[in-house]
Amino acid sequence: MEERAINIIQNNWRNGFTIPTSKLYPFQWLWDSGFVALGNGIHNLPQAIEEINKMFSGQWANGMLPHILFHSELEKTYFPNYDFWNSNVNPGAPLYPKSSGITQPPVFGFVLKSLHDIHRNSEELKGFIKDIFPKVKAYHKFLYSYRDHKKEGLFYIYHPWESGRDNSPIWDESMNRIVIDKQSLPAYTRRDTQLMNAAERPTTDQYDRYVYLLELGKRYKYDGKEIAEQSPFLVQDCMMNAILIKSNDSLIQIGKEYGFDTKEIEEWQAQSKGSFNDKFWNDNLQSFVSYDCRSEEQIEHKEIGGFISMFGECATKSQAKSMADYLNQLHDKGYYLCPSFDVDSPLFDSKRYWRGPIWPQMNWMIASGLQAYGFDHIASIVKSDLLELVEKLGFYEYFESNKHTVQKINKGYGGDNFSWTASTVLSFLNSDL
């Protein structure tokens, strides 16, 4: 498995960065690249460094890191492409590489810390960290300056794609409030459903709303402060904020070791940690949930993002125990861990993207979080479940979560030979979980 994983990443390497998979995703994605650098960096540190540098080559003047970099303007097989985003309506967006106008989970802080822990004596890595540290900090500052409209240490998203969990049921109610005149939408042709089974992808109605929010962002030049006033979709995502807290903590630890000034990061962190539990914990569900800033209420669904709170070490010990107990119950009920949505909900769909399947990089974060709280047994199940699925079904983008269904199929879902799946396998095979 390790050899196959290494080969997949090498085959997906494209002149300085790793594509997630051929055909379906031909460009560079933010959190994909972070996770690829994390796993690939175990064996190939120079390539991991190049990967991260390539991602930051598209950083905007305001610090934003776009969720897609279009390193080739000739590649036309993906929608929405760079011309549809037209990110240069914002004067701080670089002319090259072209990019999208939204961001994704801020993973690079903890990725740097992981690489540093593995290669502590590498002079190449030490030099790289000195160069990249202020750029990662600038990205975090963007989130606090442009996306924390309430100045409470929690940032918002205005597009479900930013969360990484594109079509999760947690966005349904917020998205369904958007009234769309389809005649006002620009003409577009989806590419994903031409390449993959439509039953595994977001629906047409969901995509219309994605395009609507993309157009709204473009109208306001992708400026976070103006979008906060105008966007009908405005959510503080508990998962993204937990990842930011984890990455803040990583930057603080690195900064202290290298003698960098971390005072501003520590101030952000104190405010974020102080707000996180009060805003996102839901007693009824015994889990963390996201918050809809338009309806001014919690989004009351149990889903995979809530468990990332353990990765960010935002949960109390008793809260972490409740979440660990729930995962144990799912395991006993015949599910692989960790399904991306509540298996008891009528909205659960074990096959369709973020409405139920298992995602490799999520398992890595959840297993790491469980281990941080001392729940080693269930952490090892989260790890072994992912490795078993990859061994049985291949290096796919995501996987069926129902064990009974897995017995009847012979492959995973989404793209094959997927980079972050290979990277997660490398991380798990080289970890002490």
Protein backbone atom coordinates (compact mmCIF):
# COMPACT_ATOMS: atom_id res chain seq x y z
CA MET A 1 0.00 0.00 0.00
CA GLU A 2 2.82 2.39 0.82
CA GLU A 3 4.46 1.85 -2.56
CA ARG A 4 1.17 2.35 -4.38
CA ALA A 5 0.49 5.53 -2.40
CA ILE A 6 3.89 6.99 -3.28
CA ASN A 7 3.38 6.12 -6.96
CA ILE A 8 -0.05 7.78 -7.04
CA ILE A 9 1.32 11.04 -5.71
CA GLN A 10 4.21 10.97 -8.17
CA ASN A 11 1.86 10.25 -11.07
CA ASN A 12 -0.31 13.21 -10.01
CA TRP A 13 2.68 15.59 -9.81
CA ARG A 14 2.47 18.47 -12.29
CA ASN A 15 5.48 20.80 -12.44
CA GLY A 16 5.53 21.93 -8.83
CA PHE A 17 2.19 20.79 -7.42
CA THR A 18 -0.03 17.74 -7.06
CA ILE A 19 -3.43 17.50 -8.71
CA PRO A 20 -6.05 15.66 -6.63
CA THR A 21 -6.75 13.22 -9.48
CA SER A 22 -6.53 13.28 -13.26
CA LYS A 23 -9.49 14.45 -15.38
CA LEU A 24 -11.85 15.40 -12.53
CA TYR A 25 -9.61 17.92 -10.71
CA PRO A 26 -6.77 19.12 -12.99
CA PHE A 27 -5.57 22.10 -10.87
CA GLN A 28 -4.16 22.80 -7.38
CA TRP A 29 -6.57 22.85 -4.43
CA LEU A 30 -5.70 24.44 -1.09
CA TRP A 31 -6.46 21.78 1.48
CA ASP A 32 -5.66 18.94 -0.91
CA SER A 33 -2.16 20.35 -1.30
CA GLY A 34 -1.79 20.73 2.45
CA PHE A 35 -2.67 17.12 3.12
CA VAL A 36 -0.56 15.88 0.22
CA ALA A 37 2.45 17.79 1.57
CA LEU A 38 1.80 16.32 5.01
CA GLY A 39 1.89 12.68 3.87
CA ASN A 40 4.25 12.99 0.92
CA GLY A 41 6.64 15.02 3.07
CA ILE A 42 7.40 11.96 5.20
CA HIS A 43 9.48 10.50 2.34
CA ASN A 44 9.91 13.44 -0.02
CA LEU A 45 10.45 16.66 1.92
CA PRO A 46 11.76 18.71 -1.06
CA GLN A 47 8.61 17.97 -3.04
CA ALA A 48 6.39 18.84 -0.06
CA ILE A 49 8.18 22.17 0.29
CA GLU A 50 7.76 22.86 -3.43
CA GLU A 51 4.06 21.97 -3.15
CA ILE A 52 3.47 24.50 -0.38
CA ASN A 53 5.51 27.21 -2.09
CA LYS A 54 3.49 26.70 -5.25
CA MET A 55 0.24 27.13 -3.31
CA PHE A 56 1.43 30.37 -1.73
CA SER A 57 2.46 31.69 -5.15
CA GLY A 58 -1.23 32.52 -5.57
CA GLN A 59 -1.68 34.35 -2.25
CA TRP A 60 -3.57 37.64 -2.59
CA ALA A 61 -2.28 41.01 -1.36
CA ASN A 62 -4.81 40.92 1.50
CA GLY A 63 -3.42 37.56 2.65
CA MET A 64 -6.18 35.33 1.26
CA LEU A 65 -5.16 31.93 -0.01
CA PRO A 66 -7.54 30.89 -2.83
CA HIS A 67 -9.06 27.44 -2.82
CA ILE A 68 -7.98 26.77 -6.44
CA LEU A 69 -4.93 27.89 -8.40
CA PHE A 70 -5.26 27.54 -12.17
CA HIS A 71 -1.64 27.06 -13.11
CA SER A 72 -2.65 26.27 -16.69
CA GLU A 73 -4.94 28.61 -18.59
CA LEU A 74 -5.15 26.10 -21.45
CA GLU A 75 -6.84 23.34 -19.41
CA LYS A 76 -10.57 23.57 -20.17
CA THR A 77 -11.98 20.36 -18.68
CA TYR A 78 -13.02 21.86 -15.32
CA PHE A 79 -15.93 24.08 -14.31
CA PRO A 80 -15.84 26.73 -12.94
CA ASN A 81 -12.56 27.62 -14.61
CA TYR A 82 -10.45 30.74 -14.00
CA ASP A 83 -12.37 32.84 -16.52
CA PHE A 84 -15.67 32.15 -14.75
CA TRP A 85 -14.21 33.20 -11.39
CA ASN A 86 -12.59 36.33 -12.87
CA SER A 87 -10.75 36.85 -9.56
CA ASN A 88 -8.88 39.84 -10.96
CA VAL A 89 -11.91 42.01 -10.23
CA ASN A 90 -10.09 42.20 -6.89
CA PRO A 91 -6.98 44.35 -7.42
CA GLY A 92 -4.99 42.26 -4.93
CA ALA A 93 -5.40 38.99 -6.83
CA PRO A 94 -2.23 38.09 -8.76
CA LEU A 95 -2.36 38.09 -12.55
CA TYR A 96 -0.61 34.73 -12.46
CA PRO A 97 -1.48 32.17 -11.37
CA LYS A 98 -5.17 32.77 -11.92
CA SER A 99 -7.27 31.72 -8.95
CA SER A 100 -10.73 31.26 -7.53
CA GLY A 101 -12.18 33.98 -5.28
CA ILE A 102 -12.87 31.93 -2.15
CA THR A 103 -10.73 30.01 0.33
CA GLN A 104 -10.70 26.61 2.10
CA PRO A 105 -9.77 25.16 5.53
CA PRO A 106 -6.55 26.80 6.84
CA VAL A 107 -4.45 23.66 7.12
CA PHE A 108 -0.92 24.90 6.50
CA GLY A 109 -0.09 25.82 10.09
CA PHE A 110 -0.49 22.26 11.35
CA VAL A 111 1.04 20.85 8.16
CA LEU A 112 4.22 22.85 8.84
CA LYS A 113 4.27 21.64 12.44
CA SER A 114 3.90 18.01 11.32
CA LEU A 115 6.76 18.33 8.82
CA HIS A 116 8.86 20.07 11.46
CA ASP A 117 8.26 17.25 13.96
CA ILE A 118 9.38 14.65 11.41
CA HIS A 119 12.36 16.55 9.99
CA ARG A 120 13.47 18.59 12.99
CA ASN A 121 17.15 18.56 11.95
CA SER A 122 16.62 19.45 8.29
CA GLU A 123 18.37 22.70 7.36
CA GLU A 124 16.29 22.87 4.19
CA LEU A 125 13.08 22.78 6.24
CA LYS A 126 14.37 25.34 8.73
CA GLY A 127 15.08 27.79 5.91
CA PHE A 128 11.69 27.10 4.36
CA ILE A 129 9.83 27.67 7.64
CA LYS A 130 11.53 31.05 8.07
CA ASP A 131 10.31 32.07 4.60
CA ILE A 132 6.78 30.63 4.75
CA PHE A 133 5.86 31.45 8.37
CA PRO A 134 4.93 35.13 7.70
CA LYS A 135 2.85 34.08 4.68
CA VAL A 136 0.83 31.58 6.71
CA LYS A 137 0.40 34.20 9.42
CA ALA A 138 -0.81 36.70 6.79
CA TYR A 139 -3.42 34.17 5.68
CA HIS A 140 -4.68 33.78 9.25
CA LYS A 141 -4.74 37.58 9.58
CA PHE A 142 -6.93 37.74 6.47
CA LEU A 143 -9.47 35.45 8.13
CA TYR A 144 -9.56 37.57 11.28
CA SER A 145 -9.54 40.91 9.43
CA TYR A 146 -11.93 40.20 6.56
CA ARG A 147 -14.06 37.28 7.70
CA ASP A 148 -14.63 37.89 11.44
CA HIS A 149 -17.47 40.39 11.00
CA LYS A 150 -18.54 40.19 14.64
CA LYS A 151 -14.98 40.50 15.95
CA GLU A 152 -15.40 37.50 18.20
CA GLY A 153 -12.48 35.38 16.95
CA LEU A 154 -14.64 33.19 14.67
CA PHE A 155 -14.57 33.62 10.91
CA TYR A 156 -17.38 33.07 8.42
CA ILE A 157 -17.75 31.44 5.03
CA TYR A 158 -20.10 32.68 2.32
CA HIS A 159 -19.92 29.66 0.03
CA PRO A 160 -20.27 25.96 0.96
CA TRP A 161 -17.24 25.18 -1.21
CA GLU A 162 -15.10 27.09 1.26
CA SER A 163 -15.90 24.54 3.98
CA GLY A 164 -14.61 21.64 1.87
CA ARG A 165 -17.91 19.87 2.67
CA ASP A 166 -19.66 21.17 -0.44
CA ASN A 167 -23.12 19.58 -0.34
CA SER A 168 -23.39 18.56 3.32
CA PRO A 169 -26.99 18.61 4.61
CA ILE A 170 -25.89 21.19 7.17
CA TRP A 171 -26.03 23.80 4.42
CA ASP A 172 -29.45 22.78 3.06
CA GLU A 173 -31.66 25.11 5.06
CA SER A 174 -29.35 28.10 4.63
CA MET A 175 -29.02 27.46 0.90
CA ASN A 176 -32.70 26.77 0.34
CA ARG A 177 -33.56 30.23 1.64
CA ILE A 178 -31.82 31.64 -1.44
CA VAL A 179 -34.44 32.47 -4.06
CA ILE A 180 -32.95 32.17 -7.53
CA ASP A 181 -34.20 33.47 -10.82
CA LYS A 182 -32.53 30.88 -13.03
CA GLN A 183 -32.79 33.23 -15.98
CA SER A 184 -30.40 35.58 -14.19
CA LEU A 185 -27.69 32.95 -13.80
CA PRO A 186 -24.93 32.87 -16.39
CA ALA A 187 -24.97 29.89 -18.71
CA TYR A 188 -22.70 27.10 -17.49
CA THR A 189 -21.96 23.46 -18.18
CA ARG A 190 -20.96 21.15 -15.35
CA ARG A 191 -18.01 18.84 -16.01
CA ASP A 192 -18.13 16.67 -12.90
CA THR A 193 -21.30 14.80 -13.84
CA GLN A 194 -19.88 14.11 -17.30
CA LEU A 195 -16.93 12.32 -15.72
CA MET A 196 -18.52 10.77 -12.61
CA ASN A 197 -21.78 9.13 -11.59
CA ALA A 198 -24.30 11.95 -11.01
CA ALA A 199 -25.73 10.01 -8.04
CA GLU A 200 -22.44 10.61 -6.23
CA ARG A 201 -22.31 14.37 -6.94
CA PRO A 202 -24.20 17.51 -5.79
CA THR A 203 -27.59 18.06 -7.47
CA THR A 204 -28.37 20.60 -10.20
CA ASP A 205 -30.36 22.80 -7.80
CA GLN A 206 -27.41 22.86 -5.40
CA TYR A 207 -25.07 23.79 -8.23
CA ASP A 208 -27.31 26.67 -9.30
CA ARG A 209 -26.97 28.09 -5.80
CA TYR A 210 -23.21 27.57 -5.82
CA VAL A 211 -23.04 29.61 -9.03
CA TYR A 212 -25.32 32.28 -7.56
CA LEU A 213 -22.98 32.75 -4.57
CA LEU A 214 -19.95 32.75 -6.85
CA GLU A 215 -21.54 35.56 -8.87
CA LEU A 216 -22.33 37.47 -5.67
CA GLY A 217 -18.70 37.24 -4.58
CA LYS A 218 -17.58 38.49 -7.98
CA ARG A 219 -20.05 41.40 -7.83
CA TYR A 220 -18.45 42.64 -4.61
CA LYS A 221 -14.90 41.99 -5.83
CA TYR A 222 -14.55 39.10 -3.38
CA ASP A 223 -14.28 41.60 -0.53
CA GLY A 224 -15.09 39.89 2.77
CA LYS A 225 -16.44 42.95 4.55
CA GLU A 226 -18.98 43.86 1.88
CA ILE A 227 -20.01 40.25 1.37
CA ALA A 228 -20.77 40.00 5.10
CA GLU A 229 -23.46 42.63 4.58
CA GLN A 230 -24.95 41.23 1.38
CA SER A 231 -24.60 37.44 1.18
CA PRO A 232 -27.75 35.42 1.99
CA PHE A 233 -25.46 32.55 2.98
CA LEU A 234 -23.20 33.44 5.91
CA VAL A 235 -22.07 30.68 8.25
CA GLN A 236 -19.45 30.31 10.97
CA ASP A 237 -18.27 26.75 10.34
CA CYS A 238 -17.16 24.94 13.48
CA MET A 239 -14.78 22.69 11.53
CA MET A 240 -12.96 25.49 9.75
CA ASN A 241 -12.60 27.43 12.98
CA ALA A 242 -11.29 24.35 14.80
CA ILE A 243 -8.69 23.90 12.04
CA LEU A 244 -7.72 27.57 12.34
CA ILE A 245 -7.27 27.11 16.10
CA LYS A 246 -5.11 24.03 15.49
CA SER A 247 -3.00 25.89 12.93
CA ASN A 248 -2.70 28.93 15.24
CA ASP A 249 -1.40 26.65 17.97
CA SER A 250 1.08 25.11 15.54
CA LEU A 251 2.35 28.54 14.47
CA ILE A 252 2.75 29.61 18.09
CA GLN A 253 4.82 26.51 18.89
CA ILE A 254 6.97 26.92 15.78
CA GLY A 255 7.33 30.64 16.39
CA LYS A 256 8.55 30.21 19.94
CA GLU A 257 11.12 27.64 18.82
CA TYR A 258 12.40 29.90 16.02
CA GLY A 259 12.24 33.14 17.97
CA PHE A 260 9.46 34.69 15.88
CA ASP A 261 7.06 37.24 17.37
CA THR A 262 3.85 35.30 18.12
CA LYS A 263 2.04 37.90 20.24
CA GLU A 264 -0.60 38.73 17.62
CA ILE A 265 -1.31 35.04 16.95
CA GLU A 266 -1.65 34.41 20.68
CA GLU A 267 -4.19 37.24 20.90
CA TRP A 268 -6.22 35.75 18.05
CA GLN A 269 -6.01 32.34 19.64
CA ALA A 270 -7.21 33.49 23.06
CA GLN A 271 -10.29 35.12 21.53
CA SER A 272 -11.05 32.16 19.24
CA LYS A 273 -10.76 29.58 22.00
CA GLY A 274 -12.88 31.74 24.30
CA SER A 275 -15.70 31.94 21.75
CA PHE A 276 -15.58 28.47 20.20
CA ASN A 277 -17.23 26.39 22.91
CA ASP A 278 -19.97 28.91 23.71
CA LYS A 279 -20.92 29.38 20.07
CA PHE A 280 -20.70 25.85 18.70
CA TRP A 281 -21.40 23.25 21.42
CA ASN A 282 -24.90 21.73 21.28
CA ASP A 283 -26.04 19.94 24.42
CA ASN A 284 -28.89 18.08 22.72
CA LEU A 285 -26.66 16.53 20.07
CA GLN A 286 -23.63 16.25 22.35
CA SER A 287 -21.54 17.58 19.52
CA PHE A 288 -20.22 20.80 18.04
CA VAL A 289 -22.29 22.36 15.27
CA SER A 290 -21.96 25.35 12.96
CA TYR A 291 -23.76 28.68 13.29
CA ASP A 292 -26.00 30.38 10.72
CA CYS A 293 -25.31 34.11 10.95
CA ARG A 294 -28.41 35.00 8.93
CA SER A 295 -30.96 33.13 11.04
CA GLU A 296 -28.80 33.68 14.14
CA GLU A 297 -29.07 30.10 15.34
CA GLN A 298 -27.06 26.91 15.47
CA ILE A 299 -27.33 24.47 12.58
CA GLU A 300 -28.55 21.47 14.54
CA HIS A 301 -27.17 18.46 12.70
CA LYS A 302 -24.61 15.94 13.86
CA GLU A 303 -21.93 15.75 11.18
CA ILE A 304 -18.27 15.08 10.70
CA GLY A 305 -17.13 18.69 11.06
CA GLY A 306 -18.10 18.72 14.73
CA PHE A 307 -15.57 16.01 15.53
CA ILE A 308 -12.68 18.10 14.22
CA SER A 309 -13.05 20.09 17.45
CA MET A 310 -10.96 17.35 19.06
CA PHE A 311 -8.23 17.87 16.47
CA GLY A 312 -8.19 21.56 17.41
CA GLU A 313 -8.34 20.55 21.09
CA CYS A 314 -11.33 22.87 21.52
CA ALA A 315 -13.47 20.33 23.41
CA THR A 316 -13.54 19.68 27.13
CA LYS A 317 -12.65 16.16 28.24
CA SER A 318 -16.32 15.31 28.83
CA GLN A 319 -17.34 16.69 25.43
CA ALA A 320 -14.63 14.65 23.75
CA LYS A 321 -15.82 11.55 25.62
CA SER A 322 -19.37 12.07 24.33
CA MET A 323 -18.10 12.25 20.76
CA ALA A 324 -15.81 9.24 21.22
CA ASP A 325 -18.73 7.25 22.69
CA TYR A 326 -20.85 8.14 19.66
CA LEU A 327 -18.16 6.86 17.29
CA ASN A 328 -17.95 3.64 19.29
CA GLN A 329 -21.71 3.23 18.89
CA LEU A 330 -21.47 3.74 15.12
CA HIS A 331 -18.74 1.11 14.98
CA ASP A 332 -20.94 -1.33 16.90
CA LYS A 333 -23.91 -0.60 14.58
CA GLY A 334 -22.00 -1.78 11.51
CA TYR A 335 -20.56 1.40 10.07
CA TYR A 336 -17.05 2.17 9.01
CA LEU A 337 -15.73 5.29 10.70
CA CYS A 338 -16.26 8.13 10.22
CA PRO A 339 -19.44 8.77 8.18
CA SER A 340 -19.67 12.38 7.08
CA PHE A 341 -23.26 12.79 8.30
CA ASP A 342 -25.66 11.50 10.93
CA VAL A 343 -26.57 7.95 9.87
CA ASP A 344 -29.94 8.17 11.66
CA SER A 345 -31.05 11.27 9.78
CA PRO A 346 -33.43 11.02 6.78
CA LEU A 347 -30.91 13.28 5.00
CA PHE A 348 -28.15 10.67 5.27
CA ASP A 349 -26.96 9.29 1.93
CA SER A 350 -24.03 6.90 2.17
CA LYS A 351 -23.11 7.40 -1.48
CA ARG A 352 -23.51 11.10 -2.27
CA TYR A 353 -20.40 13.18 -1.61
CA TRP A 354 -20.58 14.86 1.84
CA ARG A 355 -23.99 13.49 2.81
CA GLY A 356 -22.72 10.24 4.31
CA PRO A 357 -19.52 8.75 2.82
CA ILE A 358 -16.14 8.49 4.52
CA TRP A 359 -13.35 10.93 3.66
CA PRO A 360 -9.70 9.94 4.22
CA GLN A 361 -8.29 13.29 5.39
CA MET A 362 -11.17 13.67 7.86
CA ASN A 363 -10.30 10.30 9.38
CA TRP A 364 -6.72 11.48 9.80
CA MET A 365 -7.77 14.60 11.72
CA ILE A 366 -10.33 12.76 13.83
CA ALA A 367 -7.93 9.96 14.72
CA SER A 368 -5.31 12.53 15.70
CA GLY A 369 -7.87 14.40 17.80
CA LEU A 370 -9.07 11.26 19.57
CA GLN A 371 -5.50 10.36 20.39
CA ALA A 372 -4.88 13.83 21.83
CA TYR A 373 -7.68 13.18 24.35
CA GLY A 374 -6.45 9.69 25.21
CA PHE A 375 -9.07 7.71 23.27
CA ASP A 376 -6.47 5.52 21.61
CA HIS A 377 -8.72 2.50 20.99
CA ILE A 378 -11.33 4.30 18.92
CA ALA A 379 -8.58 6.32 17.22
CA SER A 380 -7.01 3.06 16.04
CA ILE A 381 -10.39 1.94 14.65
CA VAL A 382 -10.73 5.19 12.70
CA LYS A 383 -7.29 4.54 11.24
CA SER A 384 -7.78 0.83 10.50
CA ASP A 385 -11.21 1.41 8.93
CA LEU A 386 -9.74 3.79 6.38
CA LEU A 387 -6.84 1.48 5.57
CA GLU A 388 -9.25 -1.46 5.20
CA LEU A 389 -11.49 0.51 2.83
CA VAL A 390 -8.54 1.55 0.67
CA GLU A 391 -7.24 -2.01 0.58
CA LYS A 392 -10.67 -3.36 -0.42
CA LEU A 393 -11.91 -0.60 -2.72
CA GLY A 394 -8.85 1.27 -4.01
CA PHE A 395 -7.38 4.74 -3.58
CA TYR A 396 -10.62 6.62 -4.22
CA GLU A 397 -11.71 10.11 -3.24
CA TYR A 398 -14.28 8.93 -0.67
CA PHE A 399 -15.92 5.69 0.47
CA GLU A 400 -19.12 3.90 1.37
CA SER A 401 -19.71 3.97 5.14
CA ASN A 402 -22.16 1.05 5.55
CA LYS A 403 -20.27 -2.22 6.02
CA HIS A 404 -23.12 -4.27 4.57
CA THR A 405 -23.06 -2.21 1.36
CA VAL A 406 -19.25 -2.41 1.10
CA GLN A 407 -19.58 -6.20 0.79
CA LYS A 408 -21.49 -5.71 -2.48
CA ILE A 409 -19.22 -3.20 -4.22
CA ASN A 410 -15.68 -3.35 -5.58
CA LYS A 411 -14.58 0.29 -5.71
CA GLY A 412 -14.86 3.56 -3.81
CA TYR A 413 -16.60 6.76 -4.90
CA GLY A 414 -15.47 9.85 -6.81
CA GLY A 415 -12.05 10.10 -8.40
CA ASP A 416 -9.60 7.17 -8.43
CA ASN A 417 -5.88 7.28 -7.65
CA PHE A 418 -6.65 10.21 -5.36
CA SER A 419 -3.76 12.17 -3.91
CA TRP A 420 -5.05 12.92 -0.43
CA THR A 421 -6.14 9.31 -0.02
CA ALA A 422 -2.60 8.22 -0.87
CA SER A 423 -1.19 10.86 1.47
CA THR A 424 -3.49 9.80 4.33
CA VAL A 425 -2.40 6.20 3.87
CA LEU A 426 1.24 7.29 4.06
CA SER A 427 0.53 9.29 7.22
CA PHE A 428 -1.34 6.44 8.88
CA LEU A 429 1.26 3.80 7.94
CA ASN A 430 3.99 5.98 9.44
CA SER A 431 2.13 7.01 12.62
CA ASP A 432 1.97 5.51 16.10
CA LEU A 433 -1.81 5.31 16.23
